Amino acid sequence: MGEPERSARALLRVADVTHAYGDRAVLHGVSLAVVPGECVALVGPNGCGKSTLLRLAAGREQPTTGRVEFGGAVLDEDDPATRARIATVLDAAVFYPDLTVREHLLFVALAHGLGAGADAAVDHVLDQHHLTEHADALPGTLSSGQTQALLLASAFVRPHELLVLDEPEQRLDSRARAELADRLRAHTARGVAVLLATHDPHLAHHAADRTLALESGHLAPTPPERLAQPRA
């Protein structure tokens, strides 16, 4: 798929975006498009701008210049309809301390309109993320890997069209990372668009259709010698 065709079909489009914190420029003229059913992985060293780009893509921050569009309109996180279509794992874990793992997931599912299907959806993500035995535990009692699994389960349990993930592999063991790659592939097969930042070449190779590198705020395709080729 060429870039003009991809841009025309894009669910998410970042157009010539720059972003600065005060006098410090973080992104310089970044453009990308993600179409439904596609996973795009961002790679690059810490501090290169990956997290900032993801926050812009999710509407958590606004570009200094340029434009971020979702569904053909300027991205507005304050629009409830837009929030309902985008799921994220971006920030440090924040859970309701008095809700159990299951109660937290059920709250998320019900808040996003699953209704009578909420219980089954929660049971499914508990099983997928190996949290069934911890369903009655409070989040504060979980290990770091289980906490990350709960963050991911909270994103997967709710309906969405775009999934934005910042280093979703962190704190996961090798089995959970492999399962995450499979889960993302199944997700895009159902038409969901995925944008993720990762330091894990295996995850990028097995989950992403395209891998892009950020270096000093500039975006470029990742050279094949630096990362395994994207999946077929």
Protein backbone atom coordinates (compact mmCIF):
# COMPACT_ATOMS: atom_id res chain seq x y z
CA MET A 1 0.00 0.00 0.00
CA GLY A 2 1.47 3.35 -1.03
CA GLU A 3 1.49 6.36 1.29
CA PRO A 4 -1.22 8.33 -0.59
CA GLU A 5 -3.58 5.33 -0.46
CA ARG A 6 -2.74 4.69 3.20
CA SER A 7 -3.35 8.33 4.09
CA ALA A 8 -6.71 8.31 2.30
CA ARG A 9 -7.85 5.22 4.25
CA ALA A 10 -6.27 6.20 7.55
CA LEU A 11 -8.16 5.98 10.81
CA LEU A 12 -5.30 7.90 12.46
CA ARG A 13 -3.30 10.51 10.56
CA VAL A 14 -0.44 12.57 11.98
CA ALA A 15 0.45 15.35 9.54
CA ASP A 16 3.73 17.28 9.76
CA VAL A 17 3.56 17.45 13.54
CA THR A 18 6.08 19.24 15.71
CA HIS A 19 5.99 19.34 19.49
CA ALA A 20 8.04 21.23 22.03
CA TYR A 21 8.19 21.47 25.80
CA GLY A 22 9.13 25.09 26.33
CA ASP A 23 12.27 25.69 24.28
CA ARG A 24 13.01 21.98 23.87
CA ALA A 25 11.78 20.55 20.58
CA VAL A 26 10.85 16.86 20.82
CA LEU A 27 9.25 16.10 17.43
CA HIS A 28 10.19 17.62 14.08
CA GLY A 29 7.74 17.39 11.17
CA VAL A 30 6.50 13.88 11.94
CA SER A 31 3.90 12.35 9.61
CA LEU A 32 2.36 8.88 9.70
CA ALA A 33 -0.93 7.17 8.93
CA VAL A 34 -2.44 4.02 10.44
CA VAL A 35 -5.27 2.27 8.62
CA PRO A 36 -7.85 -0.09 10.11
CA GLY A 37 -6.40 -3.58 10.46
CA GLU A 38 -2.80 -2.37 10.61
CA CYS A 39 -0.25 -2.44 13.43
CA VAL A 40 2.54 0.14 13.31
CA ALA A 41 5.45 -0.18 15.74
CA LEU A 42 7.66 2.74 16.77
CA VAL A 43 11.21 1.98 17.86
CA GLY A 44 14.06 4.15 19.02
CA PRO A 45 16.13 5.05 22.08
CA ASN A 46 14.69 6.50 25.26
CA GLY A 47 14.06 10.23 24.92
CA CYS A 48 13.62 10.18 21.15
CA GLY A 49 9.96 11.27 21.29
CA LYS A 50 8.04 7.97 21.10
CA SER A 51 5.89 8.57 24.18
CA THR A 52 5.15 12.14 23.12
CA LEU A 53 4.04 10.95 19.68
CA LEU A 54 1.76 8.33 21.25
CA ARG A 55 0.21 10.91 23.57
CA LEU A 56 -0.47 13.15 20.57
CA ALA A 57 -1.96 10.18 18.69
CA ALA A 58 -4.30 9.50 21.62
CA GLY A 59 -5.27 13.15 22.05
CA ARG A 60 -3.62 13.47 25.45
CA GLU A 61 -1.51 16.38 24.19
CA GLN A 62 -1.85 18.82 21.31
CA PRO A 63 0.84 19.39 18.66
CA THR A 64 2.78 22.63 18.66
CA THR A 65 2.30 22.73 14.89
CA GLY A 66 0.76 20.28 12.45
CA ARG A 67 -2.40 18.25 12.70
CA VAL A 68 -3.61 14.96 14.22
CA GLU A 69 -6.78 13.49 12.72
CA PHE A 70 -8.90 10.56 13.83
CA GLY A 71 -11.64 9.29 11.56
CA GLY A 72 -11.10 12.19 9.18
CA ALA A 73 -11.56 14.96 11.78
CA VAL A 74 -9.18 16.79 14.08
CA LEU A 75 -8.62 14.58 17.11
CA ASP A 76 -10.50 15.84 20.15
CA GLU A 77 -10.07 13.72 23.29
CA ASP A 78 -12.80 15.75 25.00
CA ASP A 79 -15.36 14.34 22.55
CA PRO A 80 -17.02 11.34 24.28
CA ALA A 81 -17.56 9.58 20.96
CA THR A 82 -13.84 9.83 20.20
CA ARG A 83 -12.82 8.62 23.67
CA ALA A 84 -15.09 5.61 23.20
CA ARG A 85 -13.19 4.60 20.05
CA ILE A 86 -9.62 4.82 21.38
CA ALA A 87 -8.12 2.54 24.05
CA THR A 88 -4.69 3.26 25.51
CA VAL A 89 -1.96 1.95 27.76
CA LEU A 90 0.21 5.03 28.21
CA ASP A 91 0.65 6.02 31.82
CA ALA A 92 1.70 4.47 35.09
CA ALA A 93 -0.79 2.05 36.59
CA VAL A 94 -3.69 3.82 38.27
CA PHE A 95 -6.49 1.65 39.64
CA TYR A 96 -9.30 2.11 42.11
CA PRO A 97 -7.59 0.75 45.25
CA ASP A 98 -10.79 -0.65 46.78
CA LEU A 99 -11.92 -2.52 43.67
CA THR A 100 -10.75 -6.06 43.02
CA VAL A 101 -9.18 -6.98 39.69
CA ARG A 102 -12.49 -8.33 38.43
CA GLU A 103 -14.47 -5.35 39.74
CA HIS A 104 -12.09 -2.94 38.02
CA LEU A 105 -12.41 -4.72 34.68
CA LEU A 106 -16.19 -4.95 35.06
CA PHE A 107 -16.34 -1.22 35.77
CA VAL A 108 -14.36 -0.49 32.59
CA ALA A 109 -16.52 -2.84 30.52
CA LEU A 110 -19.80 -1.42 31.79
CA ALA A 111 -18.57 2.17 31.44
CA HIS A 112 -17.94 1.48 27.75
CA GLY A 113 -21.36 0.06 27.04
CA LEU A 114 -20.90 -3.71 27.12
CA GLY A 115 -24.03 -4.17 29.22
CA ALA A 116 -25.12 -7.81 29.42
CA GLY A 117 -21.91 -8.90 27.69
CA ALA A 118 -19.63 -7.39 30.34
CA ASP A 119 -19.28 -10.49 32.53
CA ALA A 120 -18.28 -12.72 29.63
CA ALA A 121 -15.83 -10.10 28.32
CA VAL A 122 -14.21 -9.81 31.74
CA ASP A 123 -13.93 -13.58 32.11
CA HIS A 124 -12.25 -13.70 28.69
CA VAL A 125 -9.59 -11.08 29.40
CA LEU A 126 -8.92 -12.51 32.85
CA ASP A 127 -8.16 -15.85 31.21
CA GLN A 128 -6.14 -14.31 28.36
CA HIS A 129 -3.93 -12.37 30.75
CA HIS A 130 -3.57 -15.16 33.34
CA LEU A 131 -5.40 -13.17 35.98
CA THR A 132 -8.29 -15.53 36.73
CA GLU A 133 -6.67 -16.74 39.96
CA HIS A 134 -6.19 -13.11 41.00
CA ALA A 135 -9.69 -11.91 40.10
CA ASP A 136 -10.58 -11.26 43.75
CA ALA A 137 -7.25 -9.62 44.62
CA LEU A 138 -6.79 -5.89 45.07
CA PRO A 139 -4.51 -4.26 42.47
CA GLY A 140 -2.03 -3.19 45.15
CA THR A 141 -1.26 -6.84 45.95
CA LEU A 142 -0.28 -7.78 42.38
CA SER A 143 3.26 -8.31 41.16
CA SER A 144 4.67 -5.85 38.61
CA GLY A 145 4.02 -8.30 35.76
CA GLN A 146 0.45 -8.90 36.92
CA THR A 147 -0.09 -5.15 37.21
CA GLN A 148 1.01 -4.72 33.60
CA ALA A 149 -1.30 -7.57 32.60
CA LEU A 150 -4.19 -5.76 34.32
CA LEU A 151 -3.38 -2.56 32.43
CA LEU A 152 -3.49 -4.45 29.14
CA ALA A 153 -6.65 -6.33 30.12
CA SER A 154 -8.30 -2.99 30.91
CA ALA A 155 -7.61 -1.84 27.33
CA PHE A 156 -8.63 -5.09 25.66
CA VAL A 157 -11.87 -5.54 27.62
CA ARG A 158 -13.52 -2.44 26.16
CA PRO A 159 -14.66 -1.83 22.57
CA HIS A 160 -12.33 0.30 20.47
CA GLU A 161 -11.18 0.98 16.93
CA LEU A 162 -7.68 2.29 17.74
CA LEU A 163 -5.30 0.86 20.33
CA VAL A 164 -2.32 3.01 21.43
CA LEU A 165 0.31 1.23 23.55
CA ASP A 166 3.50 2.60 25.08
CA GLU A 167 5.99 -0.23 25.68
CA PRO A 168 3.25 -2.76 26.47
CA GLU A 169 5.85 -5.49 26.92
CA GLN A 170 7.44 -3.93 29.98
CA ARG A 171 7.42 -6.17 33.06
CA LEU A 172 5.97 -9.08 31.08
CA ASP A 173 7.77 -12.43 30.94
CA SER A 174 8.68 -14.09 27.64
CA ARG A 175 5.47 -16.14 27.48
CA ALA A 176 3.28 -13.09 28.06
CA ARG A 177 5.20 -11.11 25.42
CA ALA A 178 4.67 -13.84 22.84
CA GLU A 179 0.98 -14.01 23.73
CA LEU A 180 0.71 -10.24 23.41
CA ALA A 181 2.13 -10.39 19.88
CA ASP A 182 -0.43 -13.07 18.96
CA ARG A 183 -3.22 -11.05 20.55
CA LEU A 184 -2.29 -7.94 18.57
CA ARG A 185 -2.23 -9.91 15.34
CA ALA A 186 -5.70 -11.28 16.08
CA HIS A 187 -6.81 -7.77 16.94
CA THR A 188 -5.71 -6.27 13.62
CA ALA A 189 -7.27 -9.22 11.79
CA ARG A 190 -10.59 -7.97 13.17
CA GLY A 191 -9.94 -4.50 11.73
CA VAL A 192 -8.55 -2.66 14.76
CA ALA A 193 -5.74 -0.15 14.14
CA VAL A 194 -2.76 -0.39 16.51
CA LEU A 195 0.06 2.07 17.17
CA LEU A 196 2.68 0.96 19.69
CA ALA A 197 6.13 1.90 20.90
CA THR A 198 8.40 -0.95 21.89
CA HIS A 199 11.97 -1.87 22.77
CA ASP A 200 11.28 -5.55 21.99
CA PRO A 201 12.37 -6.56 18.47
CA HIS A 202 10.39 -9.82 18.76
CA LEU A 203 7.16 -7.95 19.47
CA ALA A 204 7.78 -5.50 16.62
CA HIS A 205 8.63 -8.33 14.22
CA HIS A 206 5.71 -10.59 15.08
CA ALA A 207 2.96 -8.02 15.70
CA ALA A 208 3.66 -5.11 13.35
CA ASP A 209 2.94 -4.67 9.67
CA ARG A 210 5.37 -1.74 9.59
CA THR A 211 8.14 -0.59 11.90
CA LEU A 212 9.22 3.06 12.02
CA ALA A 213 12.21 4.50 13.84
CA LEU A 214 12.27 7.75 15.77
CA GLU A 215 15.66 9.34 16.19
CA SER A 216 15.99 12.80 17.73
CA GLY A 217 12.39 13.54 16.89
CA HIS A 218 12.60 12.53 13.23
CA LEU A 219 10.70 9.55 11.80
CA ALA A 220 12.02 7.08 9.23
CA PRO A 221 11.45 3.45 8.21
CA THR A 222 13.63 1.11 10.23
CA PRO A 223 16.54 -0.29 8.17
CA PRO A 224 16.26 -4.07 7.79
CA GLU A 225 19.71 -4.63 9.28
CA ARG A 226 18.56 -3.05 12.55
CA LEU A 227 15.35 -4.98 13.06
CA ALA A 228 13.78 -8.14 11.70
CA GLN A 229 11.51 -7.57 8.74
CA PRO A 230 7.82 -6.93 9.46
CA ARG A 231 5.49 -9.90 9.31
CA ALA A 232 4.01 -10.96 5.98
